[in-house]
Protein backbone atom coordinates (compact mmCIF):
# COMPACT_ATOMS: atom_id res chain seq x y z
CA MET A 1 50.44 6.95 -67.00
CA PRO A 2 52.27 5.54 -64.00
CA LYS A 3 53.27 8.99 -62.92
CA ARG A 4 49.61 10.16 -63.05
CA ASN A 5 48.62 7.07 -60.98
CA GLY A 6 51.34 7.96 -58.42
CA ASN A 7 50.25 11.60 -58.16
CA GLY A 8 46.77 10.44 -57.72
CA ASN A 9 47.66 8.26 -54.93
CA GLU A 10 49.73 10.96 -53.21
CA ARG A 11 46.68 13.40 -53.52
CA ALA A 12 44.33 10.68 -52.14
CA ARG A 13 46.74 10.19 -49.17
CA LEU A 14 46.90 13.99 -48.49
CA VAL A 15 43.11 14.39 -48.65
CA LEU A 16 42.65 11.45 -46.44
CA ALA A 17 45.15 12.73 -44.02
CA GLN A 18 43.60 16.11 -43.84
CA GLU A 19 40.12 14.60 -43.15
CA THR A 20 41.61 12.24 -40.51
CA ALA A 21 43.25 15.21 -38.82
CA ARG A 22 39.93 17.05 -38.82
CA ILE A 23 38.13 14.12 -37.23
CA ILE A 24 40.85 13.73 -34.57
CA VAL A 25 40.69 17.42 -33.64
CA ASP A 26 36.88 17.77 -33.77
CA GLN A 27 35.82 14.44 -32.31
CA GLY A 28 38.81 13.81 -30.01
CA ILE A 29 39.53 10.37 -31.48
CA GLU A 30 42.97 9.34 -30.15
CA ASP A 31 43.26 6.07 -32.24
CA TYR A 32 44.85 7.21 -35.58
CA ARG A 33 43.76 3.97 -37.42
CA SER A 34 40.20 4.35 -36.24
CA ALA A 35 40.17 7.87 -37.42
CA LYS A 36 41.82 6.93 -40.82
CA LEU A 37 39.14 4.29 -41.42
CA LYS A 38 36.29 6.76 -40.44
CA ALA A 39 37.81 9.37 -42.83
CA ALA A 40 38.07 6.89 -45.72
CA GLU A 41 34.50 5.84 -45.29
CA ARG A 42 33.39 9.47 -45.15
CA LEU A 43 35.13 10.24 -48.32
CA GLY A 44 34.14 7.18 -50.11
CA MET A 45 37.65 5.90 -50.49
CA SER A 46 39.00 2.43 -50.22
CA ALA A 47 40.97 1.83 -47.07
CA HIS A 48 43.42 -0.54 -48.97
CA GLY A 49 46.65 1.06 -50.27
CA VAL A 50 46.01 4.74 -49.73
CA LEU A 51 45.95 5.13 -45.89
CA PRO A 52 48.55 7.68 -44.85
CA GLY A 53 51.14 6.88 -42.15
CA ASN A 54 50.87 8.11 -38.71
CA PRO A 55 53.56 10.73 -39.34
CA GLU A 56 51.56 12.12 -42.11
CA ILE A 57 48.48 12.34 -39.88
CA GLU A 58 50.46 14.21 -37.19
CA ARG A 59 51.76 16.79 -39.71
CA ALA A 60 48.08 17.19 -40.97
CA ILE A 61 46.90 17.76 -37.40
CA SER A 62 49.61 20.39 -36.70
CA GLU A 63 48.66 22.14 -40.10
CA HIS A 64 44.88 21.87 -39.21
CA LEU A 65 45.55 23.46 -35.85
CA LYS A 66 47.51 26.29 -37.35
CA LEU A 67 44.92 27.13 -39.96
CA PHE A 68 41.90 26.89 -37.67
CA GLY A 69 42.00 28.61 -34.33
CA ARG A 70 45.63 29.19 -33.78
CA GLU A 71 45.19 31.62 -30.86
CA SER A 72 42.58 29.39 -29.23
CA HIS A 73 44.86 26.37 -29.67
CA GLN A 74 47.87 28.10 -28.18
CA SER A 75 45.63 29.06 -25.13
CA LEU A 76 44.65 25.48 -24.92
CA LEU A 77 48.20 24.14 -25.02
CA LYS A 78 49.16 26.62 -22.31
CA THR A 79 46.26 25.40 -20.12
CA LEU A 80 47.21 21.73 -20.57
CA ARG A 81 50.88 22.30 -20.05
CA GLN A 82 50.06 24.27 -16.96
CA ALA A 83 48.04 21.39 -15.74
CA ALA A 84 50.98 19.04 -16.48
CA LEU A 85 53.31 21.11 -14.45
CA SER A 86 50.78 21.18 -11.43
CA ALA A 87 50.45 17.32 -11.54
CA MET A 88 54.28 16.88 -11.98
CA GLU A 89 54.75 19.06 -8.94
CA PHE A 90 52.99 16.69 -6.45
CA LEU A 91 54.27 13.66 -8.35
CA SER A 92 57.83 14.84 -8.18
CA PRO A 93 59.04 11.89 -6.17
CA PHE A 94 58.45 9.82 -9.35
CA THR A 95 60.47 11.89 -11.75
CA PRO A 96 57.57 12.72 -13.96
CA ARG A 97 57.86 13.40 -17.75
CA LEU A 98 55.47 14.74 -20.26
CA VAL A 99 54.88 12.92 -23.42
CA GLY A 100 52.40 12.83 -26.34
CA PRO A 101 50.25 15.45 -28.09
CA VAL A 102 50.45 18.10 -25.14
CA LEU A 103 54.14 18.05 -25.57
CA HIS A 104 54.26 17.91 -29.29
CA GLY A 105 51.66 20.75 -29.56
CA THR A 106 49.11 18.57 -31.54
CA ALA A 107 46.56 18.28 -28.57
CA ALA A 108 42.88 18.68 -29.34
CA ALA A 109 40.49 20.33 -26.92
CA ASN A 110 39.71 17.03 -25.00
CA ALA A 111 43.12 15.51 -25.19
CA ALA A 112 44.54 14.03 -22.00
CA VAL A 113 47.74 15.09 -20.51
CA ASN A 114 50.27 11.94 -20.77
CA LEU A 115 52.75 11.54 -18.15
CA HIS A 116 55.48 8.91 -17.51
CA LEU A 117 56.35 8.17 -13.94
CA PHE A 118 59.00 5.94 -12.47
CA ALA A 119 58.71 3.96 -9.22
CA ASP A 120 59.60 0.69 -7.49
CA SER A 121 55.81 -0.14 -7.71
CA ALA A 122 52.67 1.32 -9.06
CA GLU A 123 51.14 1.20 -5.56
CA MET A 124 53.54 3.93 -4.49
CA VAL A 125 51.95 6.29 -7.03
CA ALA A 126 48.48 5.39 -5.81
CA LEU A 127 49.48 6.15 -2.30
CA GLN A 128 50.73 9.49 -3.22
CA LEU A 129 47.53 10.31 -5.07
CA GLN A 130 45.50 9.26 -2.06
CA GLU A 131 47.58 11.39 0.24
CA SER A 132 47.11 14.34 -2.07
CA GLY A 133 43.30 13.79 -1.98
CA ILE A 134 43.19 12.95 -5.57
CA THR A 135 40.44 10.63 -6.85
CA TYR A 136 41.78 8.38 -9.52
CA ARG A 137 40.96 5.34 -11.77
CA LEU A 138 43.34 2.58 -12.54
CA PHE A 139 43.92 1.54 -16.22
CA GLU A 140 46.44 -0.43 -18.14
CA ARG A 141 48.54 0.61 -21.09
CA ARG A 142 50.30 -1.57 -23.55
CA LEU A 143 53.55 -0.20 -25.03
CA LYS A 144 56.15 -1.51 -27.27
CA SER A 145 59.91 -1.71 -26.41
CA ARG A 146 62.83 -1.16 -28.75
CA ARG A 147 63.12 -4.88 -28.75
CA GLY A 148 59.85 -5.15 -30.42
CA GLN A 149 58.20 -6.57 -27.32
CA THR A 150 54.89 -5.31 -25.96
CA GLU A 151 54.59 -4.78 -22.23
CA SER A 152 51.61 -3.73 -19.98
CA PHE A 153 52.03 -0.96 -17.53
CA ALA A 154 49.71 0.28 -14.79
CA GLY A 155 48.47 3.84 -15.10
CA TYR A 156 46.23 6.32 -13.22
CA ARG A 157 43.63 8.65 -14.62
CA PHE A 158 42.77 11.78 -12.61
CA ALA A 159 41.65 15.34 -13.04
CA GLN A 160 44.05 18.26 -12.44
CA ASP A 161 43.24 21.87 -13.09
CA ASP A 162 40.22 20.85 -15.25
CA ALA A 163 42.39 18.67 -17.39
CA ASN A 164 42.41 14.84 -17.69
CA ILE A 165 45.82 13.35 -16.62
CA GLU A 166 46.83 9.91 -17.66
CA ALA A 167 50.01 8.86 -15.77
CA VAL A 168 51.69 5.52 -16.68
CA VAL A 169 54.03 4.01 -14.17
CA PHE A 170 57.38 2.50 -15.34
CA PRO A 171 60.09 0.75 -13.32
CA VAL A 172 62.79 3.11 -12.09
CA ASP A 173 65.21 1.89 -14.74
CA GLY A 174 62.54 2.55 -17.28
CA MET A 175 63.94 6.20 -17.49
CA ARG A 176 66.81 4.91 -19.56
CA GLN A 177 64.80 3.78 -22.56
CA ALA A 178 61.39 5.32 -23.74
CA PRO A 179 58.99 3.00 -25.26
CA ILE A 180 58.30 3.19 -29.04
CA SER A 181 55.94 5.82 -30.26
CA PRO A 182 52.90 4.45 -32.14
CA VAL A 183 53.09 7.64 -34.38
CA ASP A 184 56.65 7.44 -35.87
CA GLY A 185 58.06 4.22 -34.51
CA LYS A 186 60.81 6.06 -32.68
CA PRO A 187 61.44 6.32 -28.88
CA MET A 188 58.90 8.55 -27.26
CA ARG A 189 60.15 12.14 -26.68
CA ARG A 190 60.01 12.81 -22.86
CA ALA A 191 60.16 16.28 -21.15
CA ASP A 192 60.82 17.38 -17.68
CA LYS A 193 59.33 20.46 -16.05
CA ASP A 194 62.20 22.71 -17.14
CA ALA A 195 61.63 21.62 -20.83
CA ILE A 196 57.93 22.40 -20.43
CA ILE A 197 58.56 25.78 -18.93
CA ARG A 198 60.93 26.57 -21.82
CA LEU A 199 58.23 25.64 -24.34
CA MET A 200 55.65 27.82 -22.70
CA GLU A 201 58.01 30.76 -22.57
CA ALA A 202 58.91 30.32 -26.23
CA ALA A 203 55.08 30.25 -27.09
CA ASP A 204 54.58 33.53 -25.30
CA LEU A 205 57.35 35.36 -27.39
């Protein structure tokens, strides 16, 4: 009996992960927990005890994208990564790095391109945007460090090549240690321009 219950729980988690992935892709919800709760409600499941972890959700998103619209998704990734390269070009004084779904290959149609920038002050990035004729909006992002502390960082939202860019500004020494990913609890993977170009070249093979 315990084995059947365990299998039942695993099946419930899988079904819930798949529905969560569908909601994230179709509706563009970025908050995994909100999407999980919405999926549980839609499936008539209890949100207690069976919620899949964020790594399970990310795997389900990747599988969903492979099953539904693989070619269109590859085209989308290429467009978003090209927009990232364009933005990184004029933000090059701030050693930009790509992070998040566009880098991981799990970006949905309305996903933002997430960049990390490094500067002595966030105002330096604002000045660069202004000099480039870019209209932007200021926002704040709270991120967790390896020490378990949560810090707030200034960021700028703007459009580039019909893509939405979200650039978060870190101190210069923030290059040494990436913040913790809310998906898997590990330091965020960051990619420079050369790494993105290699990804795009590999996708074209």
